[in-house]
Amino acid sequence: MTRVSINPGRVDWSGENPGIYLKHNESDDDYCVLSLFFRVVMSPYGRGNAAIVLGAPDAAKGWPDETNFILTDNQRMMRWIVDGWVSKMPTFIGKAGLQHMTWLNLDSVNKTPGDLKTEYRETLRGSGVSLEMIWQDMGTPIPVEVTVENSATKAHEMYSVFLEAKSADIKVNGTSLPGSVQSRQFFGRTMSTAFLAFSETWVTPQGSNK
């Protein structure tokens, strides 16, 4: 298909969507921690911020029994994104922790300024929880275009700028969650399981009945 300057599809949401996935060991099949951050600048339900942390992805329990929670200042928007996107991502499909995570109100979110080479940090607070998501030692920015057939939802195109991080940390109330960054296959190349994703935009193609 010939590429055109203006995509005729519908923009569903756009913003930032970095993540950190951790394993105890490289040989493990499953992640011991799954986390995503969202800074959504536009959607049908407005703007908002959020972080999903599944410290026990396979446990059907929420916070504080397990470290499974979402902090957000726009619950309506995030319920739509969780149902339509997160629940369909390969790493999150069928995870009991996602279905049973506790929804917490977010009071504040701050990002640490920097050059994106050594460290990037998002700090969120609300409902008695303090969360720090830290990415370190970033690589070169990678432009990403994902077709409908290859996207997580199988219904959208996705465009973004990725920077992989060689190490990362997730702290809940000052305590680091277990696990470390590993490598994975990402569209034909080996990449880190900790990444920054900027200018991420999900588009429903023209003519789709989704």
Foldseek 3Di string as FASTA:
>chain_A
DDDDPDAPFAWAWWWKKWWFFFPQDQPDPATQKTKIWTFICDHPQHTKIKMFIFNHQQDLAEPPVGPGAMEMQRVVVVVCCCVQPVCLAPNNPPGNSSVRYYYWYWDDKDWDDDDQAAKIWIWTDGPHKIKIKMFGHKDDKDWDWADLCGGSNSFWIKTWIKIAGQWIWMAIPRRTRDGIWDWDDDPHDITISGMITGRIIITGHPPDPD
